[in-house]
Structure formats: structure tokens, C-alpha cells
Amino acid sequence: MLLQTLFLAMLALPSPAPADTSGYKMIWNDEFNTDGAPDPGKWDYERGFVRNNEPQWYQPDNAVCRNGMLVIEARKERLKNTNYDPSSKAWQRNREYAEYTSTSMITKGKFDFKYGRVVMKAKIDVRKGMWPAFWMLGSSRAAGGWPACGEVDIMEFYRGDLLANWAWEGDNKVAWNTGKFPVASWGGEQWAKDFHEWVLEWDENKMDILLDGKVINSMDLTRTVNHKKGNNPFRENFYLLVNLALGQGGEEIPDAHIPAQLVVDYIRVYQK
């Protein structure tokens, strides 16, 4: 208990200097320094209702670069579901309208990689109803769909907790390694007023997720062989995603918390 208390106290301190990248070469980055839409050479978008029965409609319009930052904004606005089919049993199709909009940006088809160091400096909203994430999915079609493709949640927040997770194919469909940290222990909304730096360090044997220079969760890659497929997704290529979702598992989204923003200073990928 004492060690956990000390760890939480350390994370509550002001953000340290950026991660040491000596010995690494930057292979991809976005500094978001050009005002306007995000760079189309680096990013694509998810569109519409996408996953988890979430309420927001994803569209490119809710992301903009200004003053050297990427701003993804979730808004309360009614939008017609262009895929609406009242006879469909699929939740993505049987909702006539979306009541919220946001953006999910992805590098799929434009950039993927295996091993290295991934760095994001960002300011996240930790109020009720928020669900920001910076994560990765496996690119390999041979691995099949989720969870066999592999998932790494470098930064995910919902229902009061910051998470650092891995998912792959286990005996009962999904195997998880989940790190969960209540942000109230760090100061809650006051902590979230500052920018923080998330880092993924990845080689063929291990992955570490760091927050402000401190390891918060680790994954031994000898344990992550897919149960049916037999491959190890974390020894294959991944692409990046950054998004602001809402209402995890039906959580209330207070009107006073909308519009909400995920603000990103930079995203960088390095390899040795």
C-alpha cells in the first residue's frame, strides 16, 4: 500500500521533461503545426457509428490543427444516420440519428510499424461521460479480426480511471492485461488541466507503457500467443488511432461537459 501511495504521489507531480530518445531515430511524427485539417498524408478517419454501441458519430469535421495542437472536439448535435435502416438489427443501422459527433483518426493504410518507441503529449478531459483514447491495432489481415489482431491501449480514460491495456485472443475469446488508475488519486480535473506524456516502449520480448516517465503497466510478449491462430500479434505491425468517444457502457454524458476536447501537442514514433 505504501508503494502504491508513493507511486500515485509521484504521478501527481508536474510533468517531467520529454522522454529521452537518445539512441533512437524518428521514423514518423506529426507536430500538428499547420493550421487547418490534419495532414491527409498521415491520417485517415473512421466514419459513422463504429464500435461498442457508442453514441457519437465519427466524422473528419471535428478535428482541426490550430496553434500547434490537434484538437478533437466532441459536440452535442443531431446528425442523420446515412446508413439508417429501421428493419436492421445492427445498432449501427437502426438508429435514425446520432445525437453526438466526434472524430477518430487512424494511420491504417498510411503508416504502420513493428517495435520502437511511441510518444504522445496530450491534455485529456476526465469529466463524466468522456472516453478519450490513444491506441494501436494490428495491421495483419492474416491474423484475422479483433482480438486476434492485437490491441494496445497506450492511453484510455473512462468512468474515472486511466487505463493501460493489452488485448489478444485467449481461451475465452479475449485475453486482457489491464492497468487501471483512478485519476482522483492524482488530483482529478486539476491533474487533467496539464499536458502529460504517454510512451510505449516495444521490442520483441516486452512492451512497457509509461506516463510522465514512469512505467504504469508492462506486457511479457512470451504470454501473448493467440489461442486459435497460434501467432503472436505483438510481434507484427500495428497502426495508430487517436479518438474522443463518449458514454462508455451507457455512462451519462452531462450537457455541461459538452463540447469536450482532446488536445494533442505531438505524436512521434522512433526506432533504434
C-alpha atoms as a PDB file:
ATOM      1  CA  MET A   1       0.000   0.000   0.000  1.00  0.00           C
ATOM      2  CA  LEU A   2       2.854   2.368   0.833  1.00  0.00           C
ATOM      3  CA  LEU A   3       4.494   1.763  -2.561  1.00  0.00           C
ATOM      4  CA  GLN A   4       1.206   2.387  -4.369  1.00  0.00           C
ATOM      5  CA  THR A   5       0.699   5.617  -2.406  1.00  0.00           C
ATOM      6  CA  LEU A   6       4.206   6.811  -3.288  1.00  0.00           C
ATOM      7  CA  PHE A   7       3.647   5.906  -6.966  1.00  0.00           C
ATOM      8  CA  LEU A   8       0.408   7.901  -7.112  1.00  0.00           C
ATOM      9  CA  ALA A   9       2.075  10.844  -5.387  1.00  0.00           C
ATOM     10  CA  MET A  10       4.905  10.814  -7.943  1.00  0.00           C
ATOM     11  CA  LEU A  11       2.442  10.895 -10.828  1.00  0.00           C
ATOM     12  CA  ALA A  12       0.706  13.891  -9.265  1.00  0.00           C
ATOM     13  CA  LEU A  13       3.893  15.952  -9.579  1.00  0.00           C
ATOM     14  CA  PRO A  14       4.323  18.353 -12.545  1.00  0.00           C
ATOM     15  CA  SER A  15       5.144  16.670 -15.848  1.00  0.00           C
ATOM     16  CA  PRO A  16       8.868  15.920 -16.325  1.00  0.00           C
ATOM     17  CA  ALA A  17      10.942  16.732 -19.368  1.00  0.00           C
ATOM     18  CA  PRO A  18      10.052  14.859 -22.604  1.00  0.00           C
ATOM     19  CA  ALA A  19      11.124  11.236 -22.908  1.00  0.00           C
ATOM     20  CA  ASP A  20      14.789  10.570 -23.613  1.00  0.00           C
ATOM     21  CA  THR A  21      15.030   9.396 -27.231  1.00  0.00           C
ATOM     22  CA  SER A  22      18.805   9.124 -27.473  1.00  0.00           C
ATOM     23  CA  GLY A  23      19.750   6.041 -29.454  1.00  0.00           C
ATOM     24  CA  TYR A  24      16.504   6.241 -31.440  1.00  0.00           C
ATOM     25  CA  LYS A  25      15.688   7.622 -34.884  1.00  0.00           C
ATOM     26  CA  MET A  26      12.323   9.245 -35.530  1.00  0.00           C
ATOM     27  CA  ILE A  27      10.542   7.342 -38.321  1.00  0.00           C
ATOM     28  CA  TRP A  28       7.137   9.082 -38.210  1.00  0.00           C
ATOM     29  CA  ASN A  29       5.676  12.081 -36.448  1.00  0.00           C
ATOM     30  CA  ASP A  30       3.016  14.731 -36.508  1.00  0.00           C
ATOM     31  CA  GLU A  31       3.622  18.017 -34.680  1.00  0.00           C
ATOM     32  CA  PHE A  32       0.276  19.485 -35.857  1.00  0.00           C
ATOM     33  CA  ASN A  33       1.971  22.787 -36.664  1.00  0.00           C
ATOM     34  CA  THR A  34      -0.006  23.626 -39.821  1.00  0.00           C
ATOM     35  CA  ASP A  35      -3.397  25.194 -39.095  1.00  0.00           C
ATOM     36  CA  GLY A  36      -6.401  23.541 -40.676  1.00  0.00           C
ATOM     37  CA  ALA A  37      -7.313  19.925 -41.284  1.00  0.00           C
ATOM     38  CA  PRO A  38      -4.873  17.214 -40.116  1.00  0.00           C
ATOM     39  CA  ASP A  39      -2.315  16.064 -42.700  1.00  0.00           C
ATOM     40  CA  PRO A  40      -4.136  13.715 -45.143  1.00  0.00           C
ATOM     41  CA  GLY A  41      -0.820  12.079 -45.996  1.00  0.00           C
ATOM     42  CA  LYS A  42      -0.598  10.812 -42.419  1.00  0.00           C
ATOM     43  CA  TRP A  43      -4.174  10.313 -41.248  1.00  0.00           C
ATOM     44  CA  ASP A  44      -7.403   8.701 -42.354  1.00  0.00           C
ATOM     45  CA  TYR A  45     -10.698   8.676 -40.435  1.00  0.00           C
ATOM     46  CA  GLU A  46     -13.246   6.274 -39.086  1.00  0.00           C
ATOM     47  CA  ARG A  47     -16.756   7.284 -40.101  1.00  0.00           C
ATOM     48  CA  GLY A  48     -20.227   6.869 -38.658  1.00  0.00           C
ATOM     49  CA  PHE A  49     -21.152   4.593 -35.770  1.00  0.00           C
ATOM     50  CA  VAL A  50     -18.114   2.349 -35.363  1.00  0.00           C
ATOM     51  CA  ARG A  51     -17.827   0.255 -32.149  1.00  0.00           C
ATOM     52  CA  ASN A  52     -19.038  -0.554 -28.661  1.00  0.00           C
ATOM     53  CA  ASN A  53     -22.571   0.764 -29.202  1.00  0.00           C
ATOM     54  CA  GLU A  54     -21.142   4.256 -28.702  1.00  0.00           C
ATOM     55  CA  PRO A  55     -23.395   7.311 -29.163  1.00  0.00           C
ATOM     56  CA  GLN A  56     -21.071   9.543 -31.207  1.00  0.00           C
ATOM     57  CA  TRP A  57     -20.968   9.722 -34.998  1.00  0.00           C
ATOM     58  CA  TYR A  58     -17.377   9.883 -36.195  1.00  0.00           C
ATOM     59  CA  GLN A  59     -16.569  12.400 -38.917  1.00  0.00           C
ATOM     60  CA  PRO A  60     -13.448  14.313 -40.023  1.00  0.00           C
ATOM     61  CA  ASP A  61     -15.038  17.723 -39.336  1.00  0.00           C
ATOM     62  CA  ASN A  62     -14.478  17.541 -35.569  1.00  0.00           C
ATOM     63  CA  ALA A  63     -10.658  17.556 -35.842  1.00  0.00           C
ATOM     64  CA  VAL A  64      -8.588  20.650 -36.531  1.00  0.00           C
ATOM     65  CA  CYS A  65      -4.982  21.768 -36.096  1.00  0.00           C
ATOM     66  CA  ARG A  66      -4.518  25.208 -34.581  1.00  0.00           C
ATOM     67  CA  ASN A  67      -1.753  26.941 -32.658  1.00  0.00           C
ATOM     68  CA  GLY A  68       0.469  23.869 -32.953  1.00  0.00           C
ATOM     69  CA  MET A  69      -2.097  21.487 -31.469  1.00  0.00           C
ATOM     70  CA  LEU A  70      -4.501  18.859 -32.739  1.00  0.00           C
ATOM     71  CA  VAL A  71      -7.948  19.495 -31.270  1.00  0.00           C
ATOM     72  CA  ILE A  72     -10.547  16.725 -31.446  1.00  0.00           C
ATOM     73  CA  GLU A  73     -13.900  18.051 -30.268  1.00  0.00           C
ATOM     74  CA  ALA A  74     -16.959  16.071 -29.215  1.00  0.00           C
ATOM     75  CA  ARG A  75     -20.183  18.008 -29.755  1.00  0.00           C
ATOM     76  CA  LYS A  76     -23.842  17.536 -28.986  1.00  0.00           C
ATOM     77  CA  GLU A  77     -25.557  17.838 -32.336  1.00  0.00           C
ATOM     78  CA  ARG A  78     -28.177  15.781 -34.112  1.00  0.00           C
ATOM     79  CA  LEU A  79     -26.983  14.187 -37.345  1.00  0.00           C
ATOM     80  CA  LYS A  80     -28.874  11.954 -39.751  1.00  0.00           C
ATOM     81  CA  ASN A  81     -27.546   8.383 -39.938  1.00  0.00           C
ATOM     82  CA  THR A  82     -26.791   7.946 -43.632  1.00  0.00           C
ATOM     83  CA  ASN A  83     -26.875   4.154 -43.138  1.00  0.00           C
ATOM     84  CA  TYR A  84     -30.285   4.163 -41.427  1.00  0.00           C
ATOM     85  CA  ASP A  85     -32.415   1.060 -41.924  1.00  0.00           C
ATOM     86  CA  PRO A  86     -35.324   0.693 -39.450  1.00  0.00           C
ATOM     87  CA  SER A  87     -35.582  -3.034 -40.205  1.00  0.00           C
ATOM     88  CA  SER A  88     -31.944  -3.750 -39.355  1.00  0.00           C
ATOM     89  CA  LYS A  89     -30.908  -5.452 -36.117  1.00  0.00           C
ATOM     90  CA  ALA A  90     -27.470  -3.839 -36.275  1.00  0.00           C
ATOM     91  CA  TRP A  91     -27.120  -0.890 -33.877  1.00  0.00           C
ATOM     92  CA  GLN A  92     -25.039   0.992 -36.446  1.00  0.00           C
ATOM     93  CA  ARG A  93     -28.007   0.975 -38.827  1.00  0.00           C
ATOM     94  CA  ASN A  94     -31.209   1.059 -36.742  1.00  0.00           C
ATOM     95  CA  ARG A  95     -30.532   4.429 -35.127  1.00  0.00           C
ATOM     96  CA  GLU A  96     -32.101   7.139 -37.261  1.00  0.00           C
ATOM     97  CA  TYR A  97     -29.998   9.910 -35.766  1.00  0.00           C
ATOM     98  CA  ALA A  98     -26.762  10.445 -33.904  1.00  0.00           C
ATOM     99  CA  GLU A  99     -27.031  12.875 -31.003  1.00  0.00           C
ATOM    100  CA  TYR A 100     -23.272  13.492 -30.748  1.00  0.00           C
ATOM    101  CA  THR A 101     -20.357  13.871 -33.159  1.00  0.00           C
ATOM    102  CA  SER A 102     -16.598  13.454 -32.740  1.00  0.00           C
ATOM    103  CA  THR A 103     -13.508  12.284 -34.634  1.00  0.00           C
ATOM    104  CA  SER A 104     -11.404   9.118 -34.699  1.00  0.00           C
ATOM    105  CA  MET A 105      -8.146   9.494 -36.629  1.00  0.00           C
ATOM    106  CA  ILE A 106      -6.189   6.443 -37.824  1.00  0.00           C
ATOM    107  CA  THR A 107      -2.967   5.739 -39.721  1.00  0.00           C
ATOM    108  CA  LYS A 108      -4.278   2.482 -41.222  1.00  0.00           C
ATOM    109  CA  GLY A 109      -3.165   2.176 -44.843  1.00  0.00           C
ATOM    110  CA  LYS A 110      -0.773   5.112 -44.427  1.00  0.00           C
ATOM    111  CA  PHE A 111       1.649   4.093 -41.672  1.00  0.00           C
ATOM    112  CA  ASP A 112       2.298   1.018 -39.575  1.00  0.00           C
ATOM    113  CA  PHE A 113       5.372  -0.338 -37.834  1.00  0.00           C
ATOM    114  CA  LYS A 114       6.848  -3.019 -35.586  1.00  0.00           C
ATOM    115  CA  TYR A 115       8.898  -2.256 -32.455  1.00  0.00           C
ATOM    116  CA  GLY A 116      10.190   1.063 -31.232  1.00  0.00           C
ATOM    117  CA  ARG A 117       9.019   3.902 -29.028  1.00  0.00           C
ATOM    118  CA  VAL A 118       5.709   5.737 -29.425  1.00  0.00           C
ATOM    119  CA  VAL A 119       5.247   9.099 -27.708  1.00  0.00           C
ATOM    120  CA  MET A 120       2.158  11.303 -27.328  1.00  0.00           C
ATOM    121  CA  LYS A 121       1.910  14.556 -25.388  1.00  0.00           C
ATOM    122  CA  ALA A 122      -1.711  15.458 -24.770  1.00  0.00           C
ATOM    123  CA  LYS A 123      -4.276  17.005 -22.461  1.00  0.00           C
ATOM    124  CA  ILE A 124      -7.297  14.806 -21.811  1.00  0.00           C
ATOM    125  CA  ASP A 125     -10.766  15.526 -20.426  1.00  0.00           C
ATOM    126  CA  VAL A 126     -11.520  13.383 -17.361  1.00  0.00           C
ATOM    127  CA  ARG A 127     -15.040  14.602 -16.630  1.00  0.00           C
ATOM    128  CA  LYS A 128     -18.040  12.287 -16.523  1.00  0.00           C
ATOM    129  CA  GLY A 129     -19.017  10.895 -19.916  1.00  0.00           C
ATOM    130  CA  MET A 130     -15.583  11.267 -21.525  1.00  0.00           C
ATOM    131  CA  TRP A 131     -13.751   8.413 -23.281  1.00  0.00           C
ATOM    132  CA  PRO A 132     -10.513   9.635 -24.946  1.00  0.00           C
ATOM    133  CA  ALA A 133      -8.007   7.098 -26.263  1.00  0.00           C
ATOM    134  CA  PHE A 134      -4.646   6.785 -27.981  1.00  0.00           C
ATOM    135  CA  TRP A 135      -4.149   3.191 -29.064  1.00  0.00           C
ATOM    136  CA  MET A 136      -2.928   0.706 -31.672  1.00  0.00           C
ATOM    137  CA  LEU A 137      -4.402  -2.205 -33.620  1.00  0.00           C
ATOM    138  CA  GLY A 138      -2.597  -4.926 -35.538  1.00  0.00           C
ATOM    139  CA  SER A 139      -2.389  -4.433 -39.296  1.00  0.00           C
ATOM    140  CA  SER A 140      -2.107  -8.065 -40.355  1.00  0.00           C
ATOM    141  CA  ARG A 141      -5.093  -9.400 -42.278  1.00  0.00           C
ATOM    142  CA  ALA A 142      -3.769 -12.932 -41.823  1.00  0.00           C
ATOM    143  CA  ALA A 143      -4.211 -12.589 -38.058  1.00  0.00           C
ATOM    144  CA  GLY A 144      -7.948 -12.109 -38.523  1.00  0.00           C
ATOM    145  CA  GLY A 145     -10.153  -9.581 -36.772  1.00  0.00           C
ATOM    146  CA  TRP A 146     -10.200  -8.384 -33.212  1.00  0.00           C
ATOM    147  CA  PRO A 147      -8.930  -9.568 -30.757  1.00  0.00           C
ATOM    148  CA  ALA A 148      -6.539 -11.797 -32.738  1.00  0.00           C
ATOM    149  CA  CYS A 149      -5.070  -8.725 -34.442  1.00  0.00           C
ATOM    150  CA  GLY A 150      -3.947  -7.423 -31.037  1.00  0.00           C
ATOM    151  CA  GLU A 151      -4.780  -4.153 -29.294  1.00  0.00           C
ATOM    152  CA  VAL A 152      -2.597  -1.798 -27.233  1.00  0.00           C
ATOM    153  CA  ASP A 153      -4.292   0.980 -25.267  1.00  0.00           C
ATOM    154  CA  ILE A 154      -1.460   3.397 -24.598  1.00  0.00           C
ATOM    155  CA  MET A 155      -3.897   5.930 -23.139  1.00  0.00           C
ATOM    156  CA  GLU A 156      -7.556   5.278 -22.409  1.00  0.00           C
ATOM    157  CA  PHE A 157      -9.811   7.009 -19.897  1.00  0.00           C
ATOM    158  CA  TYR A 158     -13.369   6.345 -18.817  1.00  0.00           C
ATOM    159  CA  ARG A 159     -15.507   6.302 -15.669  1.00  0.00           C
ATOM    160  CA  GLY A 160     -12.839   7.925 -13.523  1.00  0.00           C
ATOM    161  CA  ASP A 161      -9.968   5.606 -14.446  1.00  0.00           C
ATOM    162  CA  LEU A 162      -6.966   5.916 -16.717  1.00  0.00           C
ATOM    163  CA  LEU A 163      -6.150   2.570 -18.352  1.00  0.00           C
ATOM    164  CA  ALA A 164      -3.085   0.987 -19.945  1.00  0.00           C
ATOM    165  CA  ASN A 165      -4.128  -2.259 -21.647  1.00  0.00           C
ATOM    166  CA  TRP A 166      -3.306  -5.106 -23.990  1.00  0.00           C
ATOM    167  CA  ALA A 167      -5.824  -7.451 -25.632  1.00  0.00           C
ATOM    168  CA  TRP A 168      -5.326 -10.581 -27.751  1.00  0.00           C
ATOM    169  CA  GLU A 169      -7.053 -13.902 -28.461  1.00  0.00           C
ATOM    170  CA  GLY A 170      -7.381 -16.021 -25.312  1.00  0.00           C
ATOM    171  CA  ASP A 171      -9.159 -19.223 -24.324  1.00  0.00           C
ATOM    172  CA  ASN A 172     -12.481 -17.389 -23.984  1.00  0.00           C
ATOM    173  CA  LYS A 173     -12.155 -15.076 -26.993  1.00  0.00           C
ATOM    174  CA  VAL A 174     -10.355 -12.156 -25.318  1.00  0.00           C
ATOM    175  CA  ALA A 175      -7.308 -12.126 -23.051  1.00  0.00           C
ATOM    176  CA  TRP A 176      -6.573  -8.860 -21.270  1.00  0.00           C
ATOM    177  CA  ASN A 177      -3.722  -7.291 -19.347  1.00  0.00           C
ATOM    178  CA  THR A 178      -5.310  -4.204 -17.794  1.00  0.00           C
ATOM    179  CA  GLY A 179      -3.744  -1.460 -15.702  1.00  0.00           C
ATOM    180  CA  LYS A 180      -6.341   0.825 -14.083  1.00  0.00           C
ATOM    181  CA  PHE A 181      -5.560   4.054 -12.218  1.00  0.00           C
ATOM    182  CA  PRO A 182      -8.156   6.378 -10.611  1.00  0.00           C
ATOM    183  CA  VAL A 183      -7.292   9.925 -11.656  1.00  0.00           C
ATOM    184  CA  ALA A 184      -8.894  11.276  -8.480  1.00  0.00           C
ATOM    185  CA  SER A 185      -5.777   9.984  -6.690  1.00  0.00           C
ATOM    186  CA  TRP A 186      -3.674  12.401  -8.789  1.00  0.00           C
ATOM    187  CA  GLY A 187      -5.941  15.415  -8.455  1.00  0.00           C
ATOM    188  CA  GLY A 188      -8.707  14.579 -10.936  1.00  0.00           C
ATOM    189  CA  GLU A 189      -9.731  17.507 -13.120  1.00  0.00           C
ATOM    190  CA  GLN A 190      -6.865  19.621 -11.769  1.00  0.00           C
ATOM    191  CA  TRP A 191      -4.362  16.978 -12.969  1.00  0.00           C
ATOM    192  CA  ALA A 192      -6.074  16.945 -16.352  1.00  0.00           C
ATOM    193  CA  LYS A 193      -5.603  20.687 -16.864  1.00  0.00           C
ATOM    194  CA  ASP A 194      -1.953  19.985 -17.693  1.00  0.00           C
ATOM    195  CA  PHE A 195      -0.380  18.201 -20.647  1.00  0.00           C
ATOM    196  CA  HIS A 196       1.019  14.745 -19.913  1.00  0.00           C
ATOM    197  CA  GLU A 197       3.238  12.412 -21.919  1.00  0.00           C
ATOM    198  CA  TRP A 198       2.396   8.798 -22.680  1.00  0.00           C
ATOM    199  CA  VAL A 199       5.071   6.457 -24.045  1.00  0.00           C
ATOM    200  CA  LEU A 200       5.019   2.901 -25.360  1.00  0.00           C
ATOM    201  CA  GLU A 201       8.383   1.094 -25.426  1.00  0.00           C
ATOM    202  CA  TRP A 202       8.253  -2.079 -27.533  1.00  0.00           C
ATOM    203  CA  ASP A 203      10.680  -4.793 -28.541  1.00  0.00           C
ATOM    204  CA  GLU A 204      10.261  -8.475 -29.414  1.00  0.00           C
ATOM    205  CA  ASN A 205      10.161  -9.506 -25.751  1.00  0.00           C
ATOM    206  CA  LYS A 206       8.286  -6.803 -23.880  1.00  0.00           C
ATOM    207  CA  MET A 207       6.061  -3.757 -24.007  1.00  0.00           C
ATOM    208  CA  ASP A 208       6.047  -1.020 -21.348  1.00  0.00           C
ATOM    209  CA  ILE A 209       3.535   1.825 -21.096  1.00  0.00           C
ATOM    210  CA  LEU A 210       4.833   4.927 -19.318  1.00  0.00           C
ATOM    211  CA  LEU A 211       3.061   8.032 -18.060  1.00  0.00           C
ATOM    212  CA  ASP A 212       5.210  11.095 -17.443  1.00  0.00           C
ATOM    213  CA  GLY A 213       8.347   8.968 -17.405  1.00  0.00           C
ATOM    214  CA  LYS A 214       7.105   6.230 -15.078  1.00  0.00           C
ATOM    215  CA  VAL A 215       6.129   2.681 -16.085  1.00  0.00           C
ATOM    216  CA  ILE A 216       2.463   2.063 -15.263  1.00  0.00           C
ATOM    217  CA  ASN A 217       1.998  -1.348 -16.935  1.00  0.00           C
ATOM    218  CA  SER A 218       4.104  -3.991 -18.710  1.00  0.00           C
ATOM    219  CA  MET A 219       3.451  -6.931 -21.007  1.00  0.00           C
ATOM    220  CA  ASP A 220       5.640 -10.032 -21.345  1.00  0.00           C
ATOM    221  CA  LEU A 221       5.281 -10.960 -25.016  1.00  0.00           C
ATOM    222  CA  THR A 222       6.008 -14.627 -24.370  1.00  0.00           C
ATOM    223  CA  ARG A 223       2.456 -14.741 -22.952  1.00  0.00           C
ATOM    224  CA  THR A 224       0.588 -13.226 -25.888  1.00  0.00           C
ATOM    225  CA  VAL A 225       0.325 -16.036 -28.444  1.00  0.00           C
ATOM    226  CA  ASN A 226      -3.184 -16.174 -29.897  1.00  0.00           C
ATOM    227  CA  HIS A 227      -5.070 -19.238 -28.648  1.00  0.00           C
ATOM    228  CA  LYS A 228      -6.502 -20.331 -32.013  1.00  0.00           C
ATOM    229  CA  LYS A 229      -4.421 -18.525 -34.595  1.00  0.00           C
ATOM    230  CA  GLY A 230      -1.115 -19.502 -32.973  1.00  0.00           C
ATOM    231  CA  ASN A 231       0.621 -16.264 -33.987  1.00  0.00           C
ATOM    232  CA  ASN A 232       1.869 -13.551 -31.652  1.00  0.00           C
ATOM    233  CA  PRO A 233       0.165 -10.310 -32.765  1.00  0.00           C
ATOM    234  CA  PHE A 234       2.579  -8.128 -30.792  1.00  0.00           C
ATOM    235  CA  ARG A 235       5.431  -9.303 -32.992  1.00  0.00           C
ATOM    236  CA  GLU A 236       3.655  -7.948 -36.070  1.00  0.00           C
ATOM    237  CA  ASN A 237       2.902  -4.475 -37.454  1.00  0.00           C
ATOM    238  CA  PHE A 238       0.469  -2.053 -35.820  1.00  0.00           C
ATOM    239  CA  TYR A 239      -1.163   1.234 -36.810  1.00  0.00           C
ATOM    240  CA  LEU A 240      -2.179   4.181 -34.613  1.00  0.00           C
ATOM    241  CA  LEU A 241      -5.575   5.537 -33.568  1.00  0.00           C
ATOM    242  CA  VAL A 242      -6.489   8.666 -31.594  1.00  0.00           C
ATOM    243  CA  ASN A 243     -10.098   9.467 -30.799  1.00  0.00           C
ATOM    244  CA  LEU A 244     -12.567  11.007 -28.377  1.00  0.00           C
ATOM    245  CA  ALA A 245     -15.531   8.739 -27.689  1.00  0.00           C
ATOM    246  CA  LEU A 246     -18.353   9.324 -25.211  1.00  0.00           C
ATOM    247  CA  GLY A 247     -20.569   7.480 -22.744  1.00  0.00           C
ATOM    248  CA  GLN A 248     -18.679   4.243 -22.092  1.00  0.00           C
ATOM    249  CA  GLY A 249     -21.154   1.438 -21.437  1.00  0.00           C
ATOM    250  CA  GLY A 250     -24.053   3.895 -21.425  1.00  0.00           C
ATOM    251  CA  GLU A 251     -22.483   6.306 -18.920  1.00  0.00           C
ATOM    252  CA  GLU A 252     -24.375   9.587 -18.635  1.00  0.00           C
ATOM    253  CA  ILE A 253     -22.956  12.470 -20.689  1.00  0.00           C
ATOM    254  CA  PRO A 254     -23.832  15.681 -18.826  1.00  0.00           C
ATOM    255  CA  ASP A 255     -24.766  18.542 -21.150  1.00  0.00           C
ATOM    256  CA  ALA A 256     -22.445  20.786 -19.141  1.00  0.00           C
ATOM    257  CA  HIS A 257     -19.485  18.635 -20.240  1.00  0.00           C
ATOM    258  CA  ILE A 258     -20.131  19.134 -23.955  1.00  0.00           C
ATOM    259  CA  PRO A 259     -18.418  20.309 -26.081  1.00  0.00           C
ATOM    260  CA  ALA A 260     -15.330  18.431 -24.890  1.00  0.00           C
ATOM    261  CA  GLN A 261     -11.824  18.309 -26.316  1.00  0.00           C
ATOM    262  CA  LEU A 262      -8.836  16.020 -26.618  1.00  0.00           C
ATOM    263  CA  VAL A 263      -5.821  18.263 -27.292  1.00  0.00           C
ATOM    264  CA  VAL A 264      -2.624  16.693 -28.681  1.00  0.00           C
ATOM    265  CA  ASP A 265       0.716  18.523 -28.875  1.00  0.00           C
ATOM    266  CA  TYR A 266       2.573  15.803 -30.802  1.00  0.00           C
ATOM    267  CA  ILE A 267       2.693  12.117 -31.691  1.00  0.00           C
ATOM    268  CA  ARG A 268       6.113  10.611 -32.541  1.00  0.00           C
ATOM    269  CA  VAL A 269       7.383   7.132 -33.404  1.00  0.00           C
ATOM    270  CA  TYR A 270      11.030   6.140 -33.015  1.00  0.00           C
ATOM    271  CA  GLN A 271      13.074   3.049 -33.772  1.00  0.00           C
ATOM    272  CA  LYS A 272      16.637   2.029 -32.949  1.00  0.00           C
END
